[in-house]
Each structure stands twice: as C-alpha cells, then as structure tokens.
C-alpha cells in the first residue's frame, strides 16, 4: 500500500470517510498502489477457472494442480505461497466439500457460491493474518435484510460442511452477516481481458486504502489493474489509482464505481441497489433536472455538447472545476470527449500515463481495454496512437 504524501483520510460531510488530496495533484500522477488483504475467485465451483488460484494470472500450459483438490496454479512458487495464505489446508478442504455438494449448486444462484467463497476466505484470513482480518472488519458496511437472509443460509451450510478451525475467529451468524455487508460494499473486481466488448470478473479483492474511495459519476481519478502484465515493483494483483486531471490540495479524490456512460436512472438504480445510497454529485444534479418527457439519450446529449465543446475550444485546464460551464445543458461534455474511451463497446475511462519530473505525459490509457491515445488535441480531436 502506498499513498503517503498524496492522500489523507477525512470525514466528508454526508458521505462518511473519504480520501482527500494533501497537495496539488497532477494529471496521470499515481496516488495509490494498494495490495489486497483478501482475494477470492469469481468462478462457480463446477466451472473450471482459467486463472491461477493464487495470483489470478491467466494460466499457461505449464500450470500445476493442488495435490488435494482441483485448484490450478501457474507455478510451484504460487502453489507454495498459497498454502500458507489464500489456499490453506482449511480453504482447500472447504472448497472441495462445497464442490462435491450438488444440492448447493442445483438450488442456489451463483451469488451464493461467490458469497461462500468470500466467507471461507474471510474466516481463513482471521486464521492466517488476524491483523488483516481486523482491517476487514473496519470497512464500512452494515448488514441489510438480504445480508441477514444470506448469512443464515450460508452459516448453516458452512457449519455443516466446513466449519472454520477452532483457532480462527469464532464462527458466528452475526459476524457472518457483518462480513457479507463488508464484501458487498468494498470488493473490487479484477477483470478478465477485454474481448470484443465483453469483460467479466476473474476474482474479487478487498483493499485497505482503495475501500475508502467514494463514488462520483464524473470522477477525478480512475483505477487500473495489470493482473497479467509484469509491472515493475508492483504485485500483479495491486490496484493502481491515477489522476485523470489536475486537482488542487484539499479536493476529495473519487472513483466511479461503474462505467461513466450510464444514464442518470441507471446510475441511481445501481448505486441504491448495490451500495445503498442515492448520488447527488454535480453531474447527477444537472441530469436530475432534465425533463422526464425528454426523449434524448445521454449519448445524444453528449454528442451535441461535444461538438459545441470542440467548436468553442474550451480551456482544458478547467476540466473538473466545480463551477465550470454552469449554464450548459450538459456541462460535463468535455470530460466525455477527452476521457471516455472511444473503443468499440468499451466505455472505459482514460487517464494520462504518469508525468515525468519536468512535463506531463501526452499519452492517455484506457482502464478497460488498455488502448493508448495521444492526448495532444489537433483540430478538436484526440489522435490515436494508431493514426
């Protein structure tokens, strides 16, 4: 975890804890590298995964099996490391027993399978790293009625098939519900490679600092993961957060919890159902005032306003300002024109590469498809690296 000197934890009015800048931050600046305290697979028990069960890299032909179960690992080193952490004997035995429980798969949805994976990983964490388990318990998240219902079923299932070892945290129904709430609000998906507009989750991770980022529908930072890439001095399951544009000292740093192209109704529905809050960010305040009878889509509004933005040659340094373009019908069009990826069915967010000591980078990178573009605007258009 590395955020020293860039971010500090603060209480944000009406939003709980958040992260704010401790100094002026530049576009492309890496403000956080965060390692997970817990990881678990996003695959159903009876579907073979094509990823290592420890580092979650894409498996090659040289992969090896756990000697006690069907879990696959990319190398002997990963298997060895996993036996003392993510794939301890308790986890191995528990996943094997669940995999051999046909009643579990026939009568319950994928969500329950993933929740059981998480609970086994969480109780295992209390055994192998009590200090990290306490970090997990410090995350925001209060059990809902759905969490309580799921906890009751899963607690009974795990109690009968794979109760945690006696020296782990005491296995209790109330704690199980609390853990499910923590996972619901704080888990990040480590994504499979982008392929023709399709991108699924390969694993879920919980990160101590990244869990503190609040949501904004027009974020000033975005996160990258490089699970299959060899990134120097970074564990491959680390989350890396870079600034999208410059921000002043004292500004809250926010991510978007989903693609920024979603319309107002879809965003509000998703935030309420998945995270339990309604968003009142600057963008939502504008879009909430659009007429309910208006037939234009967000995309159509975007295109119109992007054309106006290019014609007027807006000052790019004003991007992100809370007061910019207050008179416009879609005041954030310039963000979409510059920072939303135009790759087919991608809808990723683009952030500059880290700046050098003397100058900002002129290359921006998509956090979904990995596309690079030249950020030098000529004639109102961003030039692709392929142009």
Protein backbone atom coordinates (compact mmCIF):
# COMPACT_ATOMS: atom_id res chain seq x y z
CA UNK A 1 0.00 0.00 0.00
CA UNK A 2 1.39 3.39 -0.95
CA UNK A 3 -0.48 6.66 -0.56
CA UNK A 4 1.96 8.51 1.67
CA UNK A 5 2.17 12.20 0.92
CA UNK A 6 -0.71 12.28 -1.57
CA UNK A 7 -3.92 11.30 0.23
CA UNK A 8 -5.32 11.52 3.72
CA UNK A 9 -8.43 10.04 5.30
CA UNK A 10 -11.11 12.60 6.13
CA UNK A 11 -14.74 12.67 7.18
CA UNK A 12 -16.73 14.03 4.23
CA UNK A 13 -20.00 15.71 5.13
CA UNK A 14 -22.86 13.38 4.23
CA UNK A 15 -20.52 10.80 2.69
CA UNK A 16 -18.64 9.26 5.61
CA UNK A 17 -14.93 8.59 5.30
CA UNK A 18 -13.15 9.53 2.09
CA UNK A 19 -9.73 10.35 0.69
CA UNK A 20 -8.63 13.93 0.03
CA UNK A 21 -5.51 15.32 -1.62
CA UNK A 22 -2.82 16.60 0.74
CA UNK A 23 -1.13 18.57 -2.05
CA UNK A 24 -1.91 19.69 -5.62
CA UNK A 25 -2.06 16.58 -7.81
CA UNK A 26 -1.18 16.37 -11.48
CA UNK A 27 -2.91 14.51 -14.30
CA UNK A 28 -1.54 11.00 -14.55
CA UNK A 29 0.01 11.04 -11.10
CA UNK A 30 -0.15 7.72 -9.29
CA UNK A 31 -1.72 8.45 -5.91
CA UNK A 32 -2.25 4.89 -4.67
CA UNK A 33 -0.79 1.42 -5.12
CA UNK A 34 -2.78 -0.90 -2.90
CA UNK A 35 -2.30 -4.62 -2.23
CA UNK A 36 -5.28 -6.81 -1.35
CA UNK A 37 -5.83 -8.23 2.10
CA UNK A 38 -8.13 -10.88 0.65
CA UNK A 39 -8.78 -12.39 -2.79
CA UNK A 40 -11.27 -15.00 -3.98
CA UNK A 41 -12.27 -16.48 -7.31
CA UNK A 42 -15.31 -15.18 -9.21
CA UNK A 43 -15.97 -18.56 -10.86
CA UNK A 44 -18.71 -21.06 -9.98
CA UNK A 45 -17.45 -24.16 -8.18
CA UNK A 46 -18.27 -26.52 -11.03
CA UNK A 47 -16.82 -24.31 -13.79
CA UNK A 48 -13.07 -24.71 -14.30
CA UNK A 49 -11.18 -21.44 -13.95
CA UNK A 50 -8.53 -20.45 -16.47
CA UNK A 51 -6.70 -18.41 -13.82
CA UNK A 52 -4.17 -19.21 -11.13
CA UNK A 53 -5.85 -19.67 -7.75
CA UNK A 54 -3.22 -17.52 -6.05
CA UNK A 55 -2.08 -14.66 -8.31
CA UNK A 56 -5.03 -14.97 -10.76
CA UNK A 57 -2.83 -14.64 -13.82
CA UNK A 58 -4.04 -16.38 -16.97
CA UNK A 59 -2.88 -20.00 -16.80
CA UNK A 60 -0.40 -21.32 -19.31
CA UNK A 61 0.18 -24.93 -20.38
CA UNK A 62 2.66 -25.41 -17.52
CA UNK A 63 0.05 -24.98 -14.78
CA UNK A 64 0.01 -27.41 -11.86
CA UNK A 65 -2.71 -28.87 -9.62
CA UNK A 66 -3.08 -28.77 -5.89
CA UNK A 67 -2.40 -32.32 -4.71
CA UNK A 68 -5.58 -32.33 -2.60
CA UNK A 69 -8.14 -30.66 -4.85
CA UNK A 70 -8.72 -29.44 -8.40
CA UNK A 71 -7.36 -25.91 -7.87
CA UNK A 72 -4.82 -24.86 -10.50
CA UNK A 73 -1.73 -22.70 -10.05
CA UNK A 74 0.57 -21.05 -12.56
CA UNK A 75 3.77 -22.24 -10.86
CA UNK A 76 5.16 -24.22 -7.96
CA UNK A 77 6.08 -20.92 -6.32
CA UNK A 78 2.45 -19.74 -6.41
CA UNK A 79 1.22 -23.05 -5.02
CA UNK A 80 3.78 -22.93 -2.23
CA UNK A 81 2.83 -19.37 -1.31
CA UNK A 82 -0.88 -20.14 -1.49
CA UNK A 83 -0.71 -23.00 1.03
CA UNK A 84 0.15 -20.50 3.77
CA UNK A 85 -2.32 -17.83 2.67
CA UNK A 86 -5.19 -17.98 0.15
CA UNK A 87 -5.22 -21.77 -0.24
CA UNK A 88 -4.51 -23.02 3.25
CA UNK A 89 -5.50 -26.60 4.17
CA UNK A 90 -8.77 -25.22 5.59
CA UNK A 91 -9.62 -23.42 2.34
CA UNK A 92 -8.62 -26.42 0.24
CA UNK A 93 -10.79 -28.81 2.27
CA UNK A 94 -13.73 -26.39 2.37
CA UNK A 95 -13.79 -25.72 -1.36
CA UNK A 96 -13.53 -29.43 -2.07
CA UNK A 97 -16.52 -30.21 0.13
CA UNK A 98 -18.60 -27.45 -1.38
CA UNK A 99 -17.67 -28.59 -4.88
CA UNK A 100 -18.96 -32.05 -4.01
CA UNK A 101 -22.29 -30.76 -2.70
CA UNK A 102 -24.71 -31.00 -5.67
CA UNK A 103 -27.66 -29.67 -3.61
CA UNK A 104 -25.79 -26.39 -3.21
CA UNK A 105 -25.45 -25.87 -6.98
CA UNK A 106 -28.88 -27.04 -8.04
CA UNK A 107 -30.90 -24.87 -5.70
CA UNK A 108 -28.93 -21.67 -5.21
CA UNK A 109 -27.68 -18.92 -7.55
CA UNK A 110 -24.12 -18.01 -8.42
CA UNK A 111 -24.24 -15.17 -5.89
CA UNK A 112 -24.45 -17.69 -3.05
CA UNK A 113 -21.46 -19.60 -4.41
CA UNK A 114 -19.39 -16.43 -4.53
CA UNK A 115 -20.53 -15.42 -1.06
CA UNK A 116 -19.45 -18.81 0.27
CA UNK A 117 -16.05 -18.36 -1.39
CA UNK A 118 -15.72 -14.99 0.30
CA UNK A 119 -16.74 -16.26 3.75
CA UNK A 120 -14.26 -19.12 3.59
CA UNK A 121 -11.55 -16.65 2.53
CA UNK A 122 -12.55 -14.24 5.33
CA UNK A 123 -12.52 -16.82 8.10
CA UNK A 124 -9.24 -18.13 6.73
CA UNK A 125 -7.86 -14.57 6.92
CA UNK A 126 -8.70 -14.46 10.62
CA UNK A 127 -6.54 -17.57 10.99
CA UNK A 128 -3.52 -16.65 8.87
CA UNK A 129 -3.48 -12.87 9.48
CA UNK A 130 -5.57 -11.59 12.41
CA UNK A 131 -4.34 -8.03 11.84
CA UNK A 132 -5.65 -8.00 8.27
CA UNK A 133 -8.92 -9.50 9.47
CA UNK A 134 -9.31 -6.52 11.79
CA UNK A 135 -8.78 -4.21 8.80
CA UNK A 136 -11.57 -6.07 7.02
CA UNK A 137 -13.88 -5.53 9.99
CA UNK A 138 -13.08 -1.80 9.94
CA UNK A 139 -14.56 -1.39 6.44
CA UNK A 140 -17.91 0.34 6.06
CA UNK A 141 -20.94 -1.89 5.74
CA UNK A 142 -23.96 -2.64 7.95
CA UNK A 143 -25.93 -5.86 7.33
CA UNK A 144 -29.17 -5.45 5.42
CA UNK A 145 -32.16 -7.78 5.41
CA UNK A 146 -30.68 -9.51 2.35
CA UNK A 147 -27.34 -9.96 4.11
CA UNK A 148 -29.11 -11.49 7.11
CA UNK A 149 -31.03 -13.93 4.93
CA UNK A 150 -27.90 -14.96 3.03
CA UNK A 151 -25.93 -15.23 6.25
CA UNK A 152 -28.48 -17.58 7.79
CA UNK A 153 -28.28 -19.98 4.86
CA UNK A 154 -24.51 -19.77 4.39
CA UNK A 155 -23.80 -20.05 8.10
CA UNK A 156 -25.75 -23.28 8.23
CA UNK A 157 -24.05 -24.58 5.07
CA UNK A 158 -20.52 -23.82 6.22
CA UNK A 159 -21.24 -25.08 9.75
CA UNK A 160 -22.25 -28.46 8.37
CA UNK A 161 -19.63 -28.84 5.64
CA UNK A 162 -16.56 -26.83 6.55
CA UNK A 163 -16.60 -25.11 9.96
CA UNK A 164 -13.54 -22.89 10.49
CA UNK A 165 -10.72 -24.28 12.68
CA UNK A 166 -11.05 -23.73 16.45
CA UNK A 167 -8.14 -21.25 16.50
CA UNK A 168 -9.76 -18.92 13.96
CA UNK A 169 -12.24 -16.16 14.82
CA UNK A 170 -15.32 -17.76 16.43
CA UNK A 171 -17.80 -18.71 13.73
CA UNK A 172 -20.99 -16.76 14.48
CA UNK A 173 -24.12 -15.93 12.50
CA UNK A 174 -23.95 -12.24 13.40
CA UNK A 175 -20.34 -11.99 12.26
CA UNK A 176 -21.16 -13.80 9.02
CA UNK A 177 -23.82 -11.17 8.21
CA UNK A 178 -21.36 -8.37 9.01
CA UNK A 179 -18.72 -9.88 6.74
CA UNK A 180 -21.17 -10.19 3.85
CA UNK A 181 -22.01 -6.50 4.19
CA UNK A 182 -18.31 -5.56 4.12
CA UNK A 183 -17.81 -7.58 0.95
CA UNK A 184 -20.88 -6.10 -0.75
CA UNK A 185 -19.72 -2.51 -0.31
CA UNK A 186 -15.96 -2.83 -0.65
CA UNK A 187 -14.97 -5.61 -3.05
CA UNK A 188 -13.20 -4.67 -6.30
CA UNK A 189 -13.40 -6.90 -9.35
CA UNK A 190 -10.16 -7.96 -11.01
CA UNK A 191 -11.21 -8.19 -14.60
CA UNK A 192 -10.67 -10.73 -17.33
CA UNK A 193 -9.01 -9.44 -20.53
CA UNK A 194 -11.23 -7.19 -22.64
CA UNK A 195 -12.54 -9.05 -25.69
CA UNK A 196 -14.90 -7.50 -28.27
CA UNK A 197 -16.84 -5.55 -25.69
CA UNK A 198 -17.07 -8.45 -23.24
CA UNK A 199 -15.27 -8.24 -19.92
CA UNK A 200 -16.04 -10.34 -16.87
CA UNK A 201 -14.64 -10.58 -13.37
CA UNK A 202 -11.96 -13.20 -12.72
CA UNK A 203 -11.57 -12.54 -8.98
CA UNK A 204 -12.68 -10.20 -6.24
CA UNK A 205 -10.34 -8.42 -3.86
CA UNK A 206 -10.65 -6.25 -0.78
CA UNK A 207 -8.12 -3.44 -0.46
CA UNK A 208 -7.42 -1.47 2.74
CA UNK A 209 -6.99 2.03 1.26
CA UNK A 210 -8.92 1.71 -2.00
CA UNK A 211 -12.03 0.80 0.01
CA UNK A 212 -12.08 4.41 1.24
CA UNK A 213 -12.63 6.00 -2.20
CA UNK A 214 -16.11 7.45 -2.55
CA UNK A 215 -18.05 7.44 -5.80
CA UNK A 216 -18.59 10.29 -8.22
CA UNK A 217 -20.35 9.98 -11.57
CA UNK A 218 -17.67 12.25 -13.03
CA UNK A 219 -14.54 11.00 -11.22
CA UNK A 220 -11.23 12.80 -10.98
CA UNK A 221 -9.25 9.54 -10.72
CA UNK A 222 -9.56 6.01 -12.05
CA UNK A 223 -8.10 2.68 -11.10
CA UNK A 224 -6.06 0.28 -13.19
CA UNK A 225 -5.19 -3.36 -12.64
CA UNK A 226 -2.48 -5.21 -14.52
CA UNK A 227 -3.08 -8.79 -13.40
CA UNK A 228 -1.49 -10.43 -16.45
CA UNK A 229 1.18 -7.81 -17.01
CA UNK A 230 4.64 -7.70 -15.49
CA UNK A 231 4.68 -4.28 -13.85
CA UNK A 232 7.97 -3.41 -12.20
CA UNK A 233 7.93 -3.24 -8.40
CA UNK A 234 4.18 -3.91 -8.24
CA UNK A 235 2.42 -7.10 -7.20
CA UNK A 236 0.23 -8.16 -10.08
CA UNK A 237 -2.99 -8.03 -8.02
CA UNK A 238 -2.33 -4.49 -6.81
CA UNK A 239 -4.80 -1.74 -7.66
CA UNK A 240 -3.17 1.38 -9.10
CA UNK A 241 -5.08 4.68 -8.95
CA UNK A 242 -4.04 7.57 -11.22
CA UNK A 243 -5.39 11.07 -11.53
CA UNK A 244 -7.48 11.84 -14.61
CA UNK A 245 -6.77 15.57 -14.45
CA UNK A 246 -5.17 18.12 -12.12
CA UNK A 247 -6.84 18.78 -8.77
CA UNK A 248 -5.95 21.27 -6.02
CA UNK A 249 -4.98 20.45 -2.46
CA UNK A 250 -7.90 19.51 -0.24
CA UNK A 251 -10.12 18.10 -3.00
CA UNK A 252 -11.80 14.74 -2.42
CA UNK A 253 -10.46 12.08 -4.79
CA UNK A 254 -13.25 9.92 -6.19
CA UNK A 255 -13.62 6.92 -8.47
CA UNK A 256 -16.65 5.87 -10.47
CA UNK A 257 -17.96 2.52 -9.29
CA UNK A 258 -19.07 1.63 -12.84
CA UNK A 259 -18.70 2.88 -16.46
CA UNK A 260 -19.37 6.60 -16.73
CA UNK A 261 -21.61 6.26 -19.81
CA UNK A 262 -24.62 5.01 -17.82
CA UNK A 263 -27.59 7.39 -17.79
CA UNK A 264 -28.97 9.04 -14.67
CA UNK A 265 -31.69 6.49 -13.93
CA UNK A 266 -29.37 3.51 -14.41
CA UNK A 267 -26.71 5.05 -12.18
CA UNK A 268 -29.13 5.86 -9.39
CA UNK A 269 -30.69 2.39 -9.52
CA UNK A 270 -27.33 0.66 -9.39
CA UNK A 271 -25.96 2.80 -6.57
CA UNK A 272 -29.09 2.31 -4.47
CA UNK A 273 -29.31 -1.44 -5.01
CA UNK A 274 -25.60 -2.26 -4.76
CA UNK A 275 -24.30 0.42 -2.38
CA UNK A 276 -27.35 1.72 -0.54
CA UNK A 277 -27.18 5.43 -1.40
CA UNK A 278 -28.51 7.97 -3.87
CA UNK A 279 -25.92 10.10 -5.65
CA UNK A 280 -26.16 13.90 -5.65
CA UNK A 281 -22.87 14.70 -7.38
CA UNK A 282 -22.69 17.72 -9.71
CA UNK A 283 -23.46 15.60 -12.76
CA UNK A 284 -26.49 13.97 -11.12
CA UNK A 285 -27.83 17.35 -10.03
CA UNK A 286 -27.77 18.53 -13.65
CA UNK A 287 -29.25 15.37 -15.15
CA UNK A 288 -31.96 15.13 -12.48
CA UNK A 289 -33.33 18.44 -13.79
CA UNK A 290 -33.75 17.22 -17.34
CA UNK A 291 -37.39 16.92 -18.36
CA UNK A 292 -38.91 13.49 -17.78
CA UNK A 293 -40.55 13.85 -21.19
CA UNK A 294 -37.29 14.47 -22.97
CA UNK A 295 -36.52 11.68 -25.44
CA UNK A 296 -32.88 12.46 -25.98
CA UNK A 297 -30.50 9.91 -24.55
CA UNK A 298 -27.39 10.81 -22.60
CA UNK A 299 -25.35 9.71 -25.61
CA UNK A 300 -27.20 12.09 -27.92
CA UNK A 301 -26.71 14.95 -25.49
CA UNK A 302 -23.07 14.03 -25.23
CA UNK A 303 -22.54 14.17 -28.98
CA UNK A 304 -24.24 17.54 -29.31
CA UNK A 305 -22.33 19.07 -26.45
CA UNK A 306 -19.02 17.55 -27.58
CA UNK A 307 -19.44 19.27 -30.93
CA UNK A 308 -20.08 22.57 -29.17
CA UNK A 309 -17.12 21.99 -26.90
CA UNK A 310 -14.81 21.43 -29.86
CA UNK A 311 -16.13 24.46 -31.71
CA UNK A 312 -15.64 26.68 -28.68
CA UNK A 313 -12.17 25.24 -27.96
CA UNK A 314 -12.79 25.04 -24.25
CA UNK A 315 -9.91 25.59 -21.88
CA UNK A 316 -8.83 22.08 -20.84
CA UNK A 317 -7.41 23.32 -17.55
CA UNK A 318 -10.94 23.99 -16.34
CA UNK A 319 -11.91 20.30 -16.55
CA UNK A 320 -13.04 19.10 -13.13
CA UNK A 321 -13.82 22.55 -11.76
CA UNK A 322 -16.98 22.53 -9.74
CA UNK A 323 -18.18 25.76 -11.33
CA UNK A 324 -17.34 25.19 -14.98
CA UNK A 325 -19.97 25.62 -17.70
CA UNK A 326 -22.81 26.09 -15.24
CA UNK A 327 -25.09 27.44 -17.96
CA UNK A 328 -24.69 24.40 -20.24
CA UNK A 329 -27.40 21.75 -20.62
CA UNK A 330 -24.74 19.05 -20.32
CA UNK A 331 -21.87 20.80 -18.54
CA UNK A 332 -19.52 17.83 -18.42
CA UNK A 333 -19.38 17.09 -22.15
CA UNK A 334 -15.69 17.92 -22.33
CA UNK A 335 -14.92 15.12 -19.87
CA UNK A 336 -16.60 12.58 -22.16
CA UNK A 337 -14.95 13.99 -25.26
CA UNK A 338 -11.49 13.71 -23.77
CA UNK A 339 -11.51 10.98 -21.14
CA UNK A 340 -14.06 8.37 -22.21
CA UNK A 341 -12.57 5.64 -24.43
CA UNK A 342 -13.98 5.52 -27.96
CA UNK A 343 -13.10 1.86 -28.46
CA UNK A 344 -15.97 -0.39 -29.63
CA UNK A 345 -18.30 -1.16 -26.71
CA UNK A 346 -15.59 -0.22 -24.23
CA UNK A 347 -16.82 2.80 -22.21
CA UNK A 348 -13.65 2.80 -20.18
CA UNK A 349 -12.11 5.88 -18.59
CA UNK A 350 -8.78 7.22 -19.85
CA UNK A 351 -6.09 8.73 -17.65
CA UNK A 352 -2.67 10.07 -18.63
CA UNK A 353 0.40 7.98 -18.03
CA UNK A 354 2.47 9.17 -15.05
CA UNK A 355 4.17 12.52 -15.76
CA UNK A 356 7.92 12.88 -15.87
CA UNK A 357 9.78 15.16 -13.49
CA UNK A 358 9.62 18.03 -15.98
CA UNK A 359 6.47 17.62 -18.05
CA UNK A 360 3.07 15.88 -18.14
CA UNK A 361 2.58 12.82 -20.31
CA UNK A 362 0.94 13.32 -23.70
CA UNK A 363 -0.35 9.72 -23.75
CA UNK A 364 -3.57 8.57 -22.06
CA UNK A 365 -4.52 4.96 -21.29
CA UNK A 366 -7.93 3.26 -21.08
CA UNK A 367 -8.51 1.38 -17.84
CA UNK A 368 -10.77 -1.18 -19.55
CA UNK A 369 -9.43 -2.13 -22.99
CA UNK A 370 -5.88 -0.84 -22.46
CA UNK A 371 -5.93 1.39 -25.53
CA UNK A 372 -3.42 4.26 -25.68
CA UNK A 373 -4.10 7.63 -27.33
CA UNK A 374 -2.06 10.71 -27.94
CA UNK A 375 -3.52 13.43 -25.75
CA UNK A 376 -2.36 16.28 -27.98
CA UNK A 377 -5.55 17.81 -29.39
CA UNK A 378 -5.31 18.86 -33.01
CA UNK A 379 -8.34 20.34 -34.75
CA UNK A 380 -10.52 19.30 -31.82
CA UNK A 381 -9.72 15.57 -32.00
CA UNK A 382 -7.58 13.30 -29.88
CA UNK A 383 -5.10 11.45 -32.03
CA UNK A 384 -4.99 7.68 -31.65
CA UNK A 385 -1.60 6.04 -31.29
CA UNK A 386 -2.57 4.06 -34.40
CA UNK A 387 -3.19 7.17 -36.52
